N, C-alpha and C. Protein backbone atom coordinates (compact mmCIF):
# COMPACT_ATOMS: atom_id res chain seq x y z
N MET A 1 8.07 -11.53 -3.51
CA MET A 1 9.02 -10.44 -3.38
C MET A 1 10.21 -10.94 -2.58
N LYS A 2 11.41 -10.54 -3.04
CA LYS A 2 12.63 -10.87 -2.31
C LYS A 2 13.44 -9.59 -2.12
N ILE A 3 13.78 -9.29 -0.88
CA ILE A 3 14.63 -8.17 -0.54
C ILE A 3 15.83 -8.74 0.20
N SER A 4 17.03 -8.44 -0.27
CA SER A 4 18.23 -8.96 0.39
C SER A 4 19.27 -7.86 0.48
N VAL A 5 19.74 -7.61 1.70
CA VAL A 5 20.88 -6.72 1.93
C VAL A 5 21.98 -7.63 2.45
N GLN A 6 23.06 -7.73 1.69
CA GLN A 6 24.05 -8.77 1.97
C GLN A 6 25.46 -8.29 1.69
N LYS A 7 26.40 -8.91 2.36
CA LYS A 7 27.81 -8.60 2.15
C LYS A 7 28.38 -9.40 0.98
N GLU A 8 27.94 -10.65 0.86
CA GLU A 8 28.51 -11.56 -0.14
C GLU A 8 28.04 -11.22 -1.57
N PRO A 9 28.88 -11.56 -2.55
CA PRO A 9 28.48 -11.36 -3.95
C PRO A 9 27.27 -12.22 -4.30
N PHE A 10 26.59 -11.84 -5.37
CA PHE A 10 25.47 -12.63 -5.86
C PHE A 10 25.75 -13.03 -7.30
N ASP A 11 25.13 -14.10 -7.72
CA ASP A 11 25.28 -14.61 -9.08
C ASP A 11 24.14 -14.04 -9.91
N LEU A 12 24.46 -13.07 -10.75
CA LEU A 12 23.46 -12.36 -11.55
C LEU A 12 22.62 -13.33 -12.37
N GLY A 13 23.25 -14.26 -13.06
CA GLY A 13 22.52 -15.21 -13.90
C GLY A 13 21.60 -16.11 -13.09
N ALA A 14 22.10 -16.62 -11.97
CA ALA A 14 21.29 -17.50 -11.14
C ALA A 14 20.10 -16.74 -10.55
N GLU A 15 20.34 -15.51 -10.11
CA GLU A 15 19.25 -14.71 -9.54
C GLU A 15 18.19 -14.40 -10.60
N ALA A 16 18.64 -14.01 -11.79
CA ALA A 16 17.69 -13.70 -12.88
C ALA A 16 16.90 -14.93 -13.29
N ASN A 17 17.57 -16.08 -13.40
CA ASN A 17 16.88 -17.31 -13.78
C ASN A 17 15.87 -17.74 -12.73
N ALA A 18 16.25 -17.66 -11.47
CA ALA A 18 15.33 -18.04 -10.39
C ALA A 18 14.14 -17.10 -10.36
N PHE A 19 14.39 -15.82 -10.58
CA PHE A 19 13.31 -14.83 -10.57
C PHE A 19 12.32 -15.09 -11.71
N ALA A 20 12.83 -15.46 -12.87
CA ALA A 20 12.00 -15.65 -14.06
C ALA A 20 11.26 -16.99 -14.07
N ALA A 21 11.68 -17.93 -13.26
CA ALA A 21 11.13 -19.29 -13.33
C ALA A 21 9.73 -19.38 -12.73
N GLY A 22 8.90 -20.13 -13.43
CA GLY A 22 7.64 -20.56 -12.83
C GLY A 22 6.37 -19.82 -13.15
N ASP A 23 6.35 -18.51 -13.01
CA ASP A 23 5.10 -17.77 -13.16
C ASP A 23 4.86 -17.42 -14.63
N THR A 24 3.92 -18.09 -15.26
CA THR A 24 3.66 -17.88 -16.69
C THR A 24 2.70 -16.71 -16.94
N SER A 25 2.25 -16.03 -15.90
CA SER A 25 1.35 -14.88 -16.10
C SER A 25 2.11 -13.60 -16.42
N ASN A 26 3.43 -13.62 -16.23
CA ASN A 26 4.25 -12.44 -16.53
C ASN A 26 4.81 -12.53 -17.95
N GLY A 27 4.58 -11.48 -18.72
CA GLY A 27 5.10 -11.44 -20.08
C GLY A 27 6.36 -10.61 -20.21
N ALA A 28 6.78 -9.96 -19.11
CA ALA A 28 7.96 -9.10 -19.15
C ALA A 28 8.75 -9.24 -17.86
N ILE A 29 10.06 -9.36 -18.01
CA ILE A 29 10.96 -9.35 -16.87
C ILE A 29 12.07 -8.37 -17.20
N VAL A 30 12.27 -7.41 -16.30
CA VAL A 30 13.32 -6.40 -16.46
C VAL A 30 14.30 -6.58 -15.33
N THR A 31 15.60 -6.61 -15.67
CA THR A 31 16.63 -6.67 -14.65
C THR A 31 17.62 -5.54 -14.87
N PHE A 32 18.19 -5.09 -13.77
CA PHE A 32 19.25 -4.07 -13.80
C PHE A 32 20.25 -4.42 -12.72
N THR A 33 21.52 -4.32 -13.05
CA THR A 33 22.57 -4.56 -12.08
C THR A 33 23.51 -3.36 -12.07
N GLY A 34 23.73 -2.82 -10.87
CA GLY A 34 24.67 -1.72 -10.70
C GLY A 34 26.02 -2.26 -10.27
N VAL A 35 27.08 -1.67 -10.81
CA VAL A 35 28.45 -2.08 -10.46
C VAL A 35 29.23 -0.86 -9.97
N VAL A 36 30.26 -1.12 -9.18
CA VAL A 36 31.15 -0.06 -8.72
C VAL A 36 31.94 0.45 -9.92
N ARG A 37 31.82 1.73 -10.17
CA ARG A 37 32.61 2.30 -11.26
C ARG A 37 33.79 3.06 -10.68
N ASP A 38 34.87 3.05 -11.42
CA ASP A 38 36.08 3.74 -11.00
C ASP A 38 35.85 5.24 -11.06
N LEU A 39 36.65 5.99 -10.35
CA LEU A 39 36.60 7.45 -10.43
C LEU A 39 37.15 7.90 -11.77
N VAL A 40 36.87 9.12 -12.15
CA VAL A 40 37.35 9.67 -13.42
C VAL A 40 38.88 9.57 -13.49
N GLN A 41 39.52 9.80 -12.36
CA GLN A 41 40.99 9.74 -12.31
C GLN A 41 41.51 8.31 -12.36
N GLY A 42 40.62 7.33 -12.19
CA GLY A 42 41.03 5.93 -12.24
C GLY A 42 41.76 5.46 -11.00
N ASP A 43 41.51 6.10 -9.86
CA ASP A 43 42.27 5.74 -8.67
C ASP A 43 41.42 5.23 -7.50
N LEU A 44 40.23 4.74 -7.78
CA LEU A 44 39.41 4.19 -6.71
C LEU A 44 39.94 2.82 -6.30
N ASP A 45 40.28 2.68 -5.03
CA ASP A 45 40.71 1.39 -4.50
C ASP A 45 39.50 0.57 -4.07
N MET A 46 38.60 1.20 -3.33
CA MET A 46 37.43 0.53 -2.78
C MET A 46 36.29 1.52 -2.58
N MET A 47 35.09 0.97 -2.58
CA MET A 47 33.93 1.72 -2.11
C MET A 47 33.42 0.97 -0.89
N GLU A 48 33.24 1.69 0.19
CA GLU A 48 32.71 1.08 1.40
C GLU A 48 31.26 1.52 1.56
N ILE A 49 30.37 0.55 1.67
CA ILE A 49 28.94 0.83 1.79
C ILE A 49 28.48 0.39 3.18
N GLU A 50 27.88 1.33 3.91
CA GLU A 50 27.37 1.05 5.24
C GLU A 50 25.85 1.17 5.26
N HIS A 51 25.23 0.52 6.23
CA HIS A 51 23.78 0.60 6.40
C HIS A 51 23.44 0.20 7.83
N TYR A 52 22.19 0.44 8.21
CA TYR A 52 21.69 0.00 9.51
C TYR A 52 20.81 -1.23 9.29
N PRO A 53 21.29 -2.40 9.74
CA PRO A 53 20.48 -3.62 9.56
C PRO A 53 19.10 -3.45 10.20
N GLY A 54 18.13 -4.00 9.55
CA GLY A 54 16.74 -3.88 10.01
C GLY A 54 16.07 -2.66 9.40
N MET A 55 16.65 -1.49 9.61
CA MET A 55 16.08 -0.27 9.04
C MET A 55 16.16 -0.29 7.51
N THR A 56 17.28 -0.74 6.99
CA THR A 56 17.47 -0.76 5.54
C THR A 56 16.50 -1.72 4.87
N GLU A 57 16.39 -2.94 5.39
CA GLU A 57 15.47 -3.92 4.81
C GLU A 57 14.03 -3.42 4.86
N LYS A 58 13.68 -2.78 5.96
CA LYS A 58 12.32 -2.24 6.11
C LYS A 58 12.06 -1.16 5.05
N ALA A 59 13.02 -0.28 4.83
CA ALA A 59 12.87 0.79 3.83
C ALA A 59 12.76 0.21 2.41
N LEU A 60 13.58 -0.81 2.11
CA LEU A 60 13.53 -1.41 0.77
C LEU A 60 12.23 -2.17 0.55
N THR A 61 11.74 -2.84 1.58
CA THR A 61 10.46 -3.54 1.48
C THR A 61 9.33 -2.55 1.24
N LYS A 62 9.38 -1.42 1.93
CA LYS A 62 8.34 -0.39 1.77
C LYS A 62 8.30 0.12 0.33
N ILE A 63 9.45 0.43 -0.25
CA ILE A 63 9.46 0.97 -1.61
C ILE A 63 9.07 -0.11 -2.62
N ALA A 64 9.45 -1.36 -2.37
CA ALA A 64 9.04 -2.45 -3.26
C ALA A 64 7.52 -2.65 -3.20
N ASN A 65 6.95 -2.55 -2.01
CA ASN A 65 5.49 -2.64 -1.88
C ASN A 65 4.81 -1.48 -2.61
N GLU A 66 5.38 -0.29 -2.51
CA GLU A 66 4.82 0.86 -3.23
C GLU A 66 4.85 0.63 -4.74
N ALA A 67 5.93 0.05 -5.23
CA ALA A 67 6.03 -0.25 -6.67
C ALA A 67 4.95 -1.25 -7.07
N GLN A 68 4.72 -2.26 -6.24
CA GLN A 68 3.70 -3.27 -6.55
C GLN A 68 2.29 -2.65 -6.54
N GLU A 69 2.07 -1.68 -5.69
CA GLU A 69 0.77 -1.02 -5.65
C GLU A 69 0.57 -0.09 -6.86
N ARG A 70 1.65 0.52 -7.30
CA ARG A 70 1.56 1.52 -8.38
C ARG A 70 1.49 0.89 -9.77
N TRP A 71 2.21 -0.22 -9.95
CA TRP A 71 2.23 -0.89 -11.25
C TRP A 71 1.70 -2.31 -11.09
N SER A 72 1.27 -2.87 -12.19
CA SER A 72 0.76 -4.24 -12.18
C SER A 72 1.95 -5.20 -12.26
N LEU A 73 2.48 -5.56 -11.09
CA LEU A 73 3.68 -6.39 -11.02
C LEU A 73 3.34 -7.77 -10.48
N GLY A 74 3.98 -8.76 -11.07
CA GLY A 74 3.85 -10.11 -10.55
C GLY A 74 4.87 -10.39 -9.47
N ASP A 75 6.04 -9.72 -9.53
CA ASP A 75 7.08 -9.98 -8.54
C ASP A 75 8.13 -8.87 -8.58
N VAL A 76 8.87 -8.76 -7.48
CA VAL A 76 9.94 -7.77 -7.35
C VAL A 76 11.12 -8.42 -6.62
N LEU A 77 12.31 -8.09 -7.07
CA LEU A 77 13.55 -8.54 -6.43
C LEU A 77 14.45 -7.33 -6.25
N VAL A 78 14.99 -7.17 -5.05
CA VAL A 78 15.99 -6.13 -4.79
C VAL A 78 17.10 -6.78 -3.97
N ILE A 79 18.31 -6.72 -4.51
CA ILE A 79 19.51 -7.17 -3.78
C ILE A 79 20.43 -5.97 -3.71
N HIS A 80 20.95 -5.67 -2.53
CA HIS A 80 21.92 -4.58 -2.38
C HIS A 80 23.02 -5.05 -1.45
N ARG A 81 24.25 -4.86 -1.87
CA ARG A 81 25.39 -5.28 -1.07
C ARG A 81 25.90 -4.16 -0.17
N HIS A 82 26.63 -4.56 0.85
CA HIS A 82 27.31 -3.61 1.72
C HIS A 82 28.70 -4.15 2.02
N GLY A 83 29.53 -3.33 2.64
CA GLY A 83 30.90 -3.71 2.91
C GLY A 83 31.84 -3.04 1.92
N ARG A 84 33.02 -3.61 1.80
CA ARG A 84 34.03 -3.05 0.89
C ARG A 84 33.94 -3.72 -0.47
N LEU A 85 33.78 -2.89 -1.50
CA LEU A 85 33.64 -3.39 -2.87
C LEU A 85 34.67 -2.71 -3.76
N ALA A 86 35.22 -3.46 -4.68
CA ALA A 86 36.22 -2.95 -5.62
C ALA A 86 35.56 -2.50 -6.92
N PRO A 87 36.24 -1.65 -7.70
CA PRO A 87 35.70 -1.30 -9.01
C PRO A 87 35.40 -2.56 -9.82
N GLY A 88 34.22 -2.58 -10.42
CA GLY A 88 33.77 -3.73 -11.20
C GLY A 88 32.89 -4.68 -10.42
N ASP A 89 32.92 -4.61 -9.08
CA ASP A 89 32.05 -5.47 -8.27
C ASP A 89 30.59 -5.06 -8.42
N GLN A 90 29.70 -6.02 -8.35
CA GLN A 90 28.27 -5.74 -8.38
C GLN A 90 27.84 -5.17 -7.03
N ILE A 91 27.09 -4.06 -7.09
CA ILE A 91 26.55 -3.44 -5.87
C ILE A 91 25.12 -3.91 -5.64
N MET A 92 24.32 -3.88 -6.70
CA MET A 92 22.90 -4.14 -6.51
C MET A 92 22.27 -4.74 -7.76
N MET A 93 21.08 -5.30 -7.53
CA MET A 93 20.28 -5.84 -8.63
C MET A 93 18.81 -5.55 -8.33
N VAL A 94 18.11 -5.11 -9.35
CA VAL A 94 16.66 -4.93 -9.29
C VAL A 94 16.07 -5.79 -10.40
N ALA A 95 14.99 -6.49 -10.10
CA ALA A 95 14.25 -7.22 -11.13
C ALA A 95 12.77 -7.00 -10.88
N THR A 96 12.04 -6.80 -11.96
CA THR A 96 10.59 -6.68 -11.89
C THR A 96 9.96 -7.59 -12.93
N ALA A 97 8.84 -8.16 -12.57
CA ALA A 97 8.09 -9.02 -13.49
C ALA A 97 6.67 -8.49 -13.55
N ALA A 98 6.13 -8.43 -14.76
CA ALA A 98 4.78 -7.90 -14.97
C ALA A 98 4.17 -8.55 -16.20
N PRO A 99 2.84 -8.51 -16.29
CA PRO A 99 2.21 -9.02 -17.50
C PRO A 99 2.65 -8.27 -18.76
N HIS A 100 2.95 -6.95 -18.61
CA HIS A 100 3.31 -6.12 -19.76
C HIS A 100 4.60 -5.34 -19.50
N ARG A 101 5.37 -5.09 -20.54
CA ARG A 101 6.70 -4.50 -20.39
C ARG A 101 6.71 -3.10 -19.81
N LYS A 102 5.71 -2.29 -20.12
CA LYS A 102 5.70 -0.91 -19.63
C LYS A 102 5.74 -0.89 -18.10
N ASP A 103 4.92 -1.69 -17.46
CA ASP A 103 4.91 -1.75 -16.00
C ASP A 103 6.25 -2.26 -15.46
N ALA A 104 6.80 -3.28 -16.09
CA ALA A 104 8.07 -3.83 -15.62
C ALA A 104 9.20 -2.80 -15.73
N PHE A 105 9.28 -2.10 -16.86
CA PHE A 105 10.33 -1.10 -17.05
C PHE A 105 10.16 0.08 -16.09
N GLU A 106 8.96 0.62 -16.01
CA GLU A 106 8.74 1.79 -15.15
C GLU A 106 8.98 1.46 -13.68
N ALA A 107 8.51 0.32 -13.23
CA ALA A 107 8.72 -0.07 -11.84
C ALA A 107 10.21 -0.27 -11.54
N ALA A 108 10.93 -0.87 -12.47
CA ALA A 108 12.37 -1.06 -12.28
C ALA A 108 13.08 0.28 -12.19
N GLU A 109 12.74 1.22 -13.06
CA GLU A 109 13.35 2.55 -13.00
C GLU A 109 13.03 3.27 -11.70
N TYR A 110 11.79 3.15 -11.26
CA TYR A 110 11.35 3.74 -10.00
C TYR A 110 12.19 3.20 -8.84
N LEU A 111 12.35 1.89 -8.79
CA LEU A 111 13.14 1.27 -7.74
C LEU A 111 14.60 1.70 -7.81
N MET A 112 15.16 1.77 -9.00
CA MET A 112 16.55 2.17 -9.15
C MET A 112 16.75 3.63 -8.74
N ASP A 113 15.82 4.51 -9.11
CA ASP A 113 15.92 5.91 -8.71
C ASP A 113 15.87 6.03 -7.19
N TYR A 114 14.99 5.27 -6.55
CA TYR A 114 14.90 5.28 -5.10
C TYR A 114 16.21 4.78 -4.47
N LEU A 115 16.73 3.67 -4.97
CA LEU A 115 17.96 3.10 -4.42
C LEU A 115 19.13 4.07 -4.54
N LYS A 116 19.17 4.80 -5.63
CA LYS A 116 20.28 5.73 -5.87
C LYS A 116 20.22 6.94 -4.95
N SER A 117 19.02 7.40 -4.61
CA SER A 117 18.93 8.68 -3.91
C SER A 117 18.38 8.61 -2.48
N ARG A 118 17.55 7.65 -2.16
CA ARG A 118 16.87 7.67 -0.87
C ARG A 118 17.08 6.44 0.01
N ALA A 119 17.53 5.37 -0.55
CA ALA A 119 17.73 4.16 0.27
C ALA A 119 18.79 4.45 1.34
N PRO A 120 18.61 3.93 2.54
CA PRO A 120 19.52 4.25 3.63
C PRO A 120 20.84 3.48 3.57
N PHE A 121 21.66 3.88 2.60
CA PHE A 121 23.02 3.38 2.48
C PHE A 121 23.95 4.59 2.47
N TRP A 122 25.15 4.41 3.03
CA TRP A 122 26.15 5.46 3.02
C TRP A 122 27.38 4.91 2.35
N LYS A 123 27.90 5.68 1.37
CA LYS A 123 29.01 5.20 0.55
C LYS A 123 30.23 6.09 0.74
N LYS A 124 31.36 5.42 0.90
CA LYS A 124 32.64 6.12 1.03
C LYS A 124 33.57 5.62 -0.07
N GLU A 125 34.16 6.57 -0.80
CA GLU A 125 35.14 6.24 -1.84
C GLU A 125 36.53 6.31 -1.23
N ILE A 126 37.27 5.22 -1.37
CA ILE A 126 38.59 5.11 -0.76
C ILE A 126 39.64 5.03 -1.87
N THR A 127 40.58 5.97 -1.84
CA THR A 127 41.70 5.98 -2.78
C THR A 127 42.99 5.92 -1.96
N GLY A 128 44.11 5.89 -2.64
CA GLY A 128 45.40 5.92 -1.94
C GLY A 128 45.64 7.23 -1.21
N GLU A 129 44.89 8.26 -1.61
CA GLU A 129 45.07 9.60 -1.04
C GLU A 129 44.05 9.98 0.01
N SER A 130 42.81 9.42 -0.07
CA SER A 130 41.75 9.90 0.82
C SER A 130 40.62 8.88 0.93
N ALA A 131 39.74 9.16 1.88
CA ALA A 131 38.51 8.39 2.04
C ALA A 131 37.40 9.43 2.20
N ASP A 132 36.53 9.53 1.20
CA ASP A 132 35.52 10.59 1.17
C ASP A 132 34.12 10.00 1.04
N TRP A 133 33.19 10.51 1.88
CA TRP A 133 31.79 10.11 1.77
C TRP A 133 31.23 10.65 0.47
N VAL A 134 30.40 9.87 -0.19
CA VAL A 134 29.77 10.28 -1.45
C VAL A 134 28.57 11.15 -1.12
N ALA A 135 28.56 12.36 -1.66
CA ALA A 135 27.45 13.29 -1.43
C ALA A 135 26.30 12.99 -2.39
N ALA A 136 25.10 13.33 -1.95
CA ALA A 136 23.93 13.19 -2.83
C ALA A 136 24.10 14.11 -4.04
N LYS A 137 23.62 13.64 -5.18
CA LYS A 137 23.72 14.43 -6.41
C LYS A 137 22.36 14.98 -6.78
N ASP A 138 22.35 16.21 -7.25
CA ASP A 138 21.09 16.86 -7.64
C ASP A 138 20.35 16.07 -8.71
N GLU A 139 21.10 15.52 -9.68
CA GLU A 139 20.43 14.79 -10.77
C GLU A 139 19.75 13.51 -10.26
N ASP A 140 20.30 12.90 -9.21
CA ASP A 140 19.65 11.72 -8.63
C ASP A 140 18.35 12.11 -7.93
N GLU A 141 18.38 13.22 -7.21
CA GLU A 141 17.15 13.71 -6.57
C GLU A 141 16.13 14.13 -7.62
N ASP A 142 16.60 14.80 -8.67
CA ASP A 142 15.71 15.26 -9.74
C ASP A 142 15.01 14.07 -10.43
N ALA A 143 15.70 12.94 -10.51
CA ALA A 143 15.10 11.77 -11.16
C ALA A 143 13.85 11.30 -10.44
N LEU A 144 13.79 11.53 -9.14
CA LEU A 144 12.61 11.12 -8.36
C LEU A 144 11.37 11.96 -8.66
N THR A 145 11.57 13.18 -9.16
CA THR A 145 10.42 14.07 -9.37
C THR A 145 9.48 13.57 -10.45
N ARG A 146 9.95 12.73 -11.33
CA ARG A 146 9.05 12.21 -12.38
C ARG A 146 8.07 11.18 -11.84
N TRP A 147 8.31 10.66 -10.65
CA TRP A 147 7.44 9.67 -10.07
C TRP A 147 6.44 10.32 -9.13
């Protein structure tokens, strides 16, 4: 398992290749990468992501361990960035490896739903006009109810 909360960008291809290398007992690898999307108005300058070091890594490790207990997983990777990110920048990556695809897909979705709604990150959208904290969305919370 690898959990990384980092300011610097990551290389999606290198991370996916390293994650997939070596363990021949896994028949499925699922990856997902989240990117900063522009606002509907097209005026997002930056997204600022804050977190509490130590607490955040502990929370992400806990949810990754829960995923490994719930599904038959060979490995888990979670990378989440913080700091100032521009539209199009990668925010996060989740990868799961499992003997069978159902476990890999479900565990990846579970981790992504958690990261979107409960992980201890705070996001601020910065435009030329304002800087506003991103509020929790009901649909993100609702996604957790299926788990």
